[in-house]
Each structure stands twice: as C-alpha cells, then as structure tokens.
C-alpha cells in the first residue's frame, strides 16, 4: 500500500499558499448580494477570477467592479438565461 505524504507545518511555513485559487475562475450564483456576494469576495481574496450570476440585483455591476479593484482579479457579471428550461 502506498504511503501518502502529509503536510506538516514548520516554523515559518505559510499555510495560505496551500489555498491559493490564482489562475482559477469561480462562478457564484446569487452573488449580487448577501451570502453569494460574500462568497464571491472570499474567492477573489484567494486569487480566483469571479463570475457573478445574478437575477435582478442591478448593484451587481458595481459590486463586480469593486471586487476587481479590491483584490486585483478579473470579475464579470451575467444574468443567466434559463427560460428555455420552462418552455413547453
């Protein structure tokens, strides 16, 4: 059976790089406000580019721009179009 090397912190080792999302893209639905916005902000803080999906919150445009400026990542915002799922 193969052994797994486990991370063992030593003095001076940084843990944060282990959680880096730099170069990744996160899509967060409901990120125009509330919990979704907080999640999008946290993912951007970890280095991820963020796609904000929102339904009707028009402030999402400004919030996406604020996330980009605050964390130096790319962020876009979209209103997803799922109406095709409900046609008969």
Protein backbone atom coordinates (compact mmCIF):
# COMPACT_ATOMS: atom_id res chain seq x y z
CA UNK A 1 0.00 0.00 0.00
CA UNK A 2 1.36 3.43 -0.95
CA UNK A 3 2.04 5.98 1.74
CA UNK A 4 0.72 9.49 1.50
CA UNK A 5 2.97 12.41 2.34
CA UNK A 6 1.07 14.68 4.65
CA UNK A 7 1.75 18.36 5.11
CA UNK A 8 3.41 19.04 8.41
CA UNK A 9 3.77 22.75 9.26
CA UNK A 10 7.11 24.01 10.45
CA UNK A 11 8.04 27.39 11.87
CA UNK A 12 7.94 29.98 9.11
CA UNK A 13 5.85 27.89 6.69
CA UNK A 14 2.94 29.79 5.23
CA UNK A 15 -0.36 27.95 5.05
CA UNK A 16 -2.23 30.45 2.85
CA UNK A 17 -0.45 29.44 -0.41
CA UNK A 18 -1.93 25.98 0.02
CA UNK A 19 -5.36 27.54 -0.50
CA UNK A 20 -4.47 29.72 -3.48
CA UNK A 21 -7.02 29.89 -6.30
CA UNK A 22 -4.81 32.07 -8.51
CA UNK A 23 -5.46 31.34 -12.17
CA UNK A 24 -8.82 29.68 -11.45
CA UNK A 25 -12.29 31.02 -12.18
CA UNK A 26 -15.21 30.71 -9.78
CA UNK A 27 -18.84 31.06 -10.86
CA UNK A 28 -21.06 32.18 -7.98
CA UNK A 29 -24.82 32.28 -8.40
CA UNK A 30 -26.78 34.74 -6.33
CA UNK A 31 -23.68 36.87 -5.88
CA UNK A 32 -25.43 40.20 -6.33
CA UNK A 33 -25.82 40.50 -2.55
CA UNK A 34 -25.76 38.65 0.75
CA UNK A 35 -24.05 35.30 1.19
CA UNK A 36 -23.34 34.90 -2.54
CA UNK A 37 -21.54 38.24 -2.62
CA UNK A 38 -19.52 37.32 0.47
CA UNK A 39 -18.51 34.02 -1.14
CA UNK A 40 -17.50 35.78 -4.37
CA UNK A 41 -15.43 38.26 -2.36
CA UNK A 42 -13.70 35.47 -0.40
CA UNK A 43 -12.90 33.52 -3.56
CA UNK A 44 -11.43 36.67 -5.12
CA UNK A 45 -9.36 37.22 -1.98
CA UNK A 46 -7.94 33.71 -2.51
CA UNK A 47 -6.95 34.78 -6.04
CA UNK A 48 -9.79 33.43 -8.18
CA UNK A 49 -11.31 35.37 -11.04
CA UNK A 50 -15.02 35.66 -10.27
CA UNK A 51 -18.15 35.37 -12.40
CA UNK A 52 -21.17 36.83 -10.62
CA UNK A 53 -24.54 35.42 -11.67
CA UNK A 54 -27.48 37.47 -10.54
CA UNK A 55 -31.15 37.69 -11.39
CA UNK A 56 -32.40 41.17 -10.65
CA UNK A 57 -29.93 42.98 -8.39
CA UNK A 58 -28.69 45.84 -10.52
CA UNK A 59 -25.99 46.66 -7.95
CA UNK A 60 -24.13 43.53 -9.09
CA UNK A 61 -22.43 45.59 -11.81
CA UNK A 62 -20.81 47.91 -9.26
CA UNK A 63 -20.06 45.04 -6.89
CA UNK A 64 -18.21 43.08 -9.59
CA UNK A 65 -16.11 46.16 -10.34
CA UNK A 66 -15.40 46.67 -6.63
CA UNK A 67 -14.21 43.07 -6.26
CA UNK A 68 -11.86 43.53 -9.22
CA UNK A 69 -10.36 46.69 -7.76
CA UNK A 70 -10.14 45.36 -4.21
CA UNK A 71 -8.39 42.05 -5.00
CA UNK A 72 -6.78 42.67 -8.39
CA UNK A 73 -8.66 39.87 -10.15
CA UNK A 74 -10.96 39.77 -13.16
CA UNK A 75 -14.67 39.74 -12.47
CA UNK A 76 -17.64 39.62 -14.80
CA UNK A 77 -21.35 39.63 -14.12
CA UNK A 78 -24.13 37.94 -16.03
CA UNK A 79 -27.85 37.41 -15.80
CA UNK A 80 -28.24 33.74 -16.73
CA UNK A 81 -30.99 32.95 -19.20
CA UNK A 82 -32.74 29.75 -18.18
CA UNK A 83 -36.11 30.47 -19.74
CA UNK A 84 -35.56 27.67 -22.27
CA UNK A 85 -35.94 25.18 -19.41
CA UNK A 86 -39.51 26.26 -18.79
CA UNK A 87 -40.93 26.25 -22.31
CA UNK A 88 -43.49 23.66 -23.30
